[in-house]
C-alpha atoms as a PDB file:
ATOM      1  CA  MET A   1      -6.455 -42.428   4.352  1.00  0.00           C
ATOM      2  CA  ARG A   2      -8.745 -40.491   6.664  1.00  0.00           C
ATOM      3  CA  TYR A   3      -5.904 -39.545   9.013  1.00  0.00           C
ATOM      4  CA  LYS A   4      -3.679 -38.499   6.125  1.00  0.00           C
ATOM      5  CA  CYS A   5      -6.352 -36.091   4.857  1.00  0.00           C
ATOM      6  CA  LEU A   6      -6.861 -34.749   8.384  1.00  0.00           C
ATOM      7  CA  SER A   7      -3.134 -34.201   8.836  1.00  0.00           C
ATOM      8  CA  VAL A   8      -2.946 -32.266   5.541  1.00  0.00           C
ATOM      9  CA  ILE A   9      -5.819 -30.012   6.631  1.00  0.00           C
ATOM     10  CA  LEU A  10      -4.207 -29.468  10.028  1.00  0.00           C
ATOM     11  CA  PHE A  11      -0.900 -28.618   8.357  1.00  0.00           C
ATOM     12  CA  LEU A  12      -2.601 -26.058   6.091  1.00  0.00           C
ATOM     13  CA  VAL A  13      -4.387 -24.453   9.047  1.00  0.00           C
ATOM     14  CA  ILE A  14      -1.131 -24.203  10.999  1.00  0.00           C
ATOM     15  CA  LEU A  15       0.584 -22.700   7.948  1.00  0.00           C
ATOM     16  CA  VAL A  16      -2.133 -20.214   6.922  1.00  0.00           C
ATOM     17  CA  VAL A  17      -3.561 -18.872  10.198  1.00  0.00           C
ATOM     18  CA  PRO A  18      -0.397 -17.143  11.482  1.00  0.00           C
ATOM     19  CA  SER A  19       0.158 -15.404   8.148  1.00  0.00           C
ATOM     20  CA  ILE A  20      -3.417 -14.108   8.165  1.00  0.00           C
ATOM     21  CA  LEU A  21      -3.134 -12.889  11.739  1.00  0.00           C
ATOM     22  CA  PHE A  22       0.162 -11.079  11.230  1.00  0.00           C
ATOM     23  CA  CYS A  23      -0.645  -9.473   7.858  1.00  0.00           C
ATOM     24  CA  ALA A  24      -4.156  -8.183   8.430  1.00  0.00           C
ATOM     25  CA  GLY A  25      -4.954  -5.045  10.291  1.00  0.00           C
ATOM     26  CA  GLU A  26      -1.913  -2.870   9.577  1.00  0.00           C
ATOM     27  CA  LYS A  27      -2.850   0.773  10.112  1.00  0.00           C
ATOM     28  CA  ILE A  28      -2.149   2.629   6.880  1.00  0.00           C
ATOM     29  CA  ALA A  29      -2.597   6.282   5.926  1.00  0.00           C
ATOM     30  CA  VAL A  30      -3.554   6.919   2.300  1.00  0.00           C
ATOM     31  CA  ILE A  31      -2.517   9.549  -0.227  1.00  0.00           C
ATOM     32  CA  ALA A  32      -4.553   9.244  -3.421  1.00  0.00           C
ATOM     33  CA  PRO A  33      -5.036  12.632  -5.121  1.00  0.00           C
ATOM     34  CA  SER A  34      -7.815  11.843  -7.633  1.00  0.00           C
ATOM     35  CA  VAL A  35     -11.049   9.897  -7.856  1.00  0.00           C
ATOM     36  CA  SER A  36      -9.498   7.031  -9.840  1.00  0.00           C
ATOM     37  CA  THR A  37      -6.478   6.763  -7.534  1.00  0.00           C
ATOM     38  CA  SER A  38      -8.655   6.800  -4.413  1.00  0.00           C
ATOM     39  CA  ILE A  39     -10.828   4.011  -5.859  1.00  0.00           C
ATOM     40  CA  GLU A  40      -7.665   2.010  -6.600  1.00  0.00           C
ATOM     41  CA  ALA A  41      -6.300   2.711  -3.105  1.00  0.00           C
ATOM     42  CA  ARG A  42      -9.561   1.529  -1.539  1.00  0.00           C
ATOM     43  CA  SER A  43      -9.308  -1.713  -3.522  1.00  0.00           C
ATOM     44  CA  ILE A  44      -5.699  -2.262  -2.424  1.00  0.00           C
ATOM     45  CA  MET A  45      -6.575  -1.578   1.206  1.00  0.00           C
ATOM     46  CA  TYR A  46      -9.420  -4.105   1.062  1.00  0.00           C
ATOM     47  CA  GLN A  47      -7.390  -6.798  -0.739  1.00  0.00           C
ATOM     48  CA  ASN A  48      -4.558  -6.584   1.798  1.00  0.00           C
ATOM     49  CA  GLY A  49      -6.685  -6.267   4.924  1.00  0.00           C
ATOM     50  CA  PHE A  50      -5.257  -2.866   5.812  1.00  0.00           C
ATOM     51  CA  VAL A  51      -7.088  -0.506   8.168  1.00  0.00           C
ATOM     52  CA  TYR A  52      -7.438   3.203   7.365  1.00  0.00           C
ATOM     53  CA  SER A  53      -5.598   5.464   9.791  1.00  0.00           C
ATOM     54  CA  ASP A  54      -4.541   9.054  10.186  1.00  0.00           C
ATOM     55  CA  PHE A  55      -0.853   9.917   9.732  1.00  0.00           C
ATOM     56  CA  ARG A  56      -0.195  10.187  13.455  1.00  0.00           C
ATOM     57  CA  ASN A  57      -1.251   6.579  14.215  1.00  0.00           C
ATOM     58  CA  ALA A  58      -0.272   4.923  10.928  1.00  0.00           C
ATOM     59  CA  ASP A  59       2.276   2.153  10.523  1.00  0.00           C
ATOM     60  CA  GLY A  60       2.903   3.226   6.914  1.00  0.00           C
ATOM     61  CA  ILE A  61       1.623   5.304   4.016  1.00  0.00           C
ATOM     62  CA  LEU A  62      -0.001   3.932   0.872  1.00  0.00           C
ATOM     63  CA  VAL A  63       0.403   6.302  -2.082  1.00  0.00           C
ATOM     64  CA  VAL A  64      -1.426   5.709  -5.365  1.00  0.00           C
ATOM     65  CA  VAL A  65      -0.790   8.034  -8.309  1.00  0.00           C
ATOM     66  CA  ARG A  66      -1.295   7.937 -12.077  1.00  0.00           C
ATOM     67  CA  SER A  67       1.601   8.899 -14.301  1.00  0.00           C
ATOM     68  CA  MET A  68       3.341   8.202 -17.608  1.00  0.00           C
ATOM     69  CA  LEU A  69       6.749   8.274 -15.885  1.00  0.00           C
ATOM     70  CA  TRP A  70       8.593   5.115 -14.789  1.00  0.00           C
ATOM     71  CA  TYR A  71       9.345   6.438 -11.278  1.00  0.00           C
ATOM     72  CA  PRO A  72       7.166   9.488 -10.565  1.00  0.00           C
ATOM     73  CA  LEU A  73       8.012   9.673  -6.848  1.00  0.00           C
ATOM     74  CA  TYR A  74      11.347   9.700  -5.038  1.00  0.00           C
ATOM     75  CA  ASN A  75      12.598   7.074  -2.587  1.00  0.00           C
ATOM     76  CA  ASN A  76      12.812   9.511   0.349  1.00  0.00           C
ATOM     77  CA  TYR A  77      11.016  12.654   1.462  1.00  0.00           C
ATOM     78  CA  ASP A  78      11.794  14.944   4.383  1.00  0.00           C
ATOM     79  CA  SER A  79       8.164  14.971   5.525  1.00  0.00           C
ATOM     80  CA  VAL A  80       4.710  13.647   4.742  1.00  0.00           C
ATOM     81  CA  SER A  81       3.721  17.066   3.393  1.00  0.00           C
ATOM     82  CA  ASP A  82       6.562  16.882   0.836  1.00  0.00           C
ATOM     83  CA  LEU A  83       5.363  13.423  -0.222  1.00  0.00           C
ATOM     84  CA  LYS A  84       1.769  14.642  -0.501  1.00  0.00           C
ATOM     85  CA  ARG A  85       2.861  17.652  -2.572  1.00  0.00           C
ATOM     86  CA  ALA A  86       4.817  15.383  -4.957  1.00  0.00           C
ATOM     87  CA  ALA A  87       1.833  13.039  -5.333  1.00  0.00           C
ATOM     88  CA  ASP A  88      -0.478  15.971  -6.061  1.00  0.00           C
ATOM     89  CA  MET A  89       1.814  17.124  -8.880  1.00  0.00           C
ATOM     90  CA  GLN A  90       1.382  13.911 -10.937  1.00  0.00           C
ATOM     91  CA  LEU A  91      -1.010  13.535 -13.910  1.00  0.00           C
ATOM     92  CA  ASN A  92      -3.517  11.805 -11.665  1.00  0.00           C
ATOM     93  CA  ILE A  93      -6.450  12.026 -14.053  1.00  0.00           C
ATOM     94  CA  VAL A  94      -4.937  11.026 -17.404  1.00  0.00           C
ATOM     95  CA  GLY A  95      -1.748   9.141 -16.485  1.00  0.00           C
ATOM     96  CA  THR A  96      -1.442   5.810 -18.272  1.00  0.00           C
ATOM     97  CA  ASN A  97      -0.168   3.772 -15.304  1.00  0.00           C
ATOM     98  CA  PHE A  98      -1.172   3.374 -11.687  1.00  0.00           C
ATOM     99  CA  HIS A  99       1.865   3.586  -9.411  1.00  0.00           C
ATOM    100  CA  VAL A 100       1.449   2.031  -5.973  1.00  0.00           C
ATOM    101  CA  TYR A 101       3.934   2.991  -3.267  1.00  0.00           C
ATOM    102  CA  LEU A 102       4.288   2.033   0.353  1.00  0.00           C
ATOM    103  CA  TYR A 103       6.346   4.359   2.556  1.00  0.00           C
ATOM    104  CA  SER A 104       7.511   3.850   6.123  1.00  0.00           C
ATOM    105  CA  PHE A 105       8.153   6.492   8.770  1.00  0.00           C
ATOM    106  CA  ASN A 106      11.680   7.189  10.011  1.00  0.00           C
ATOM    107  CA  ASN A 107      12.550   8.394  13.518  1.00  0.00           C
ATOM    108  CA  ASP A 108      12.929  11.983  12.292  1.00  0.00           C
ATOM    109  CA  LEU A 109       9.427  11.812  10.670  1.00  0.00           C
ATOM    110  CA  SER A 110      10.860  11.635   7.172  1.00  0.00           C
ATOM    111  CA  VAL A 111       9.493   8.848   4.956  1.00  0.00           C
ATOM    112  CA  THR A 112      11.274   6.124   2.974  1.00  0.00           C
ATOM    113  CA  GLN A 113       9.904   4.021   0.135  1.00  0.00           C
ATOM    114  CA  VAL A 114       9.674   0.301   0.917  1.00  0.00           C
ATOM    115  CA  TYR A 115       7.593  -0.853  -2.071  1.00  0.00           C
ATOM    116  CA  HIS A 116       6.792   0.339  -5.591  1.00  0.00           C
ATOM    117  CA  ASP A 117       4.808  -1.307  -8.350  1.00  0.00           C
ATOM    118  CA  TYR A 118       3.010  -0.029 -11.415  1.00  0.00           C
ATOM    119  CA  TYR A 119       0.462  -1.380 -13.861  1.00  0.00           C
ATOM    120  CA  GLN A 120      -1.693  -0.032 -16.637  1.00  0.00           C
ATOM    121  CA  ALA A 121      -4.752   1.949 -15.629  1.00  0.00           C
ATOM    122  CA  GLU A 122      -7.941   0.686 -17.217  1.00  0.00           C
END
């Protein structure tokens, strides 16, 4: 019985440790145009173990906006400044839903959406 319990614990450690090591510490730049979206972005960064970074050294871009639209941002932008401009144009103070996006950089410095989720703002 004792060895069975020990083997289960060892199995869990072997299963969990690599996922923690590979997921934590991604360098992410943040675009969050208002106070409420920046608070939400900070919470997301903390929950996922991301590290704040500037755009030059980032592995990706986290964008948090508030909007009543289903898809307020496009899948692709020609540059980070275009993405930032689009995020700034949303109803970031009174929008009913938080929209969370993760964008990746392309070789030509354009950005492509890799994740989108939304949920009601409280």
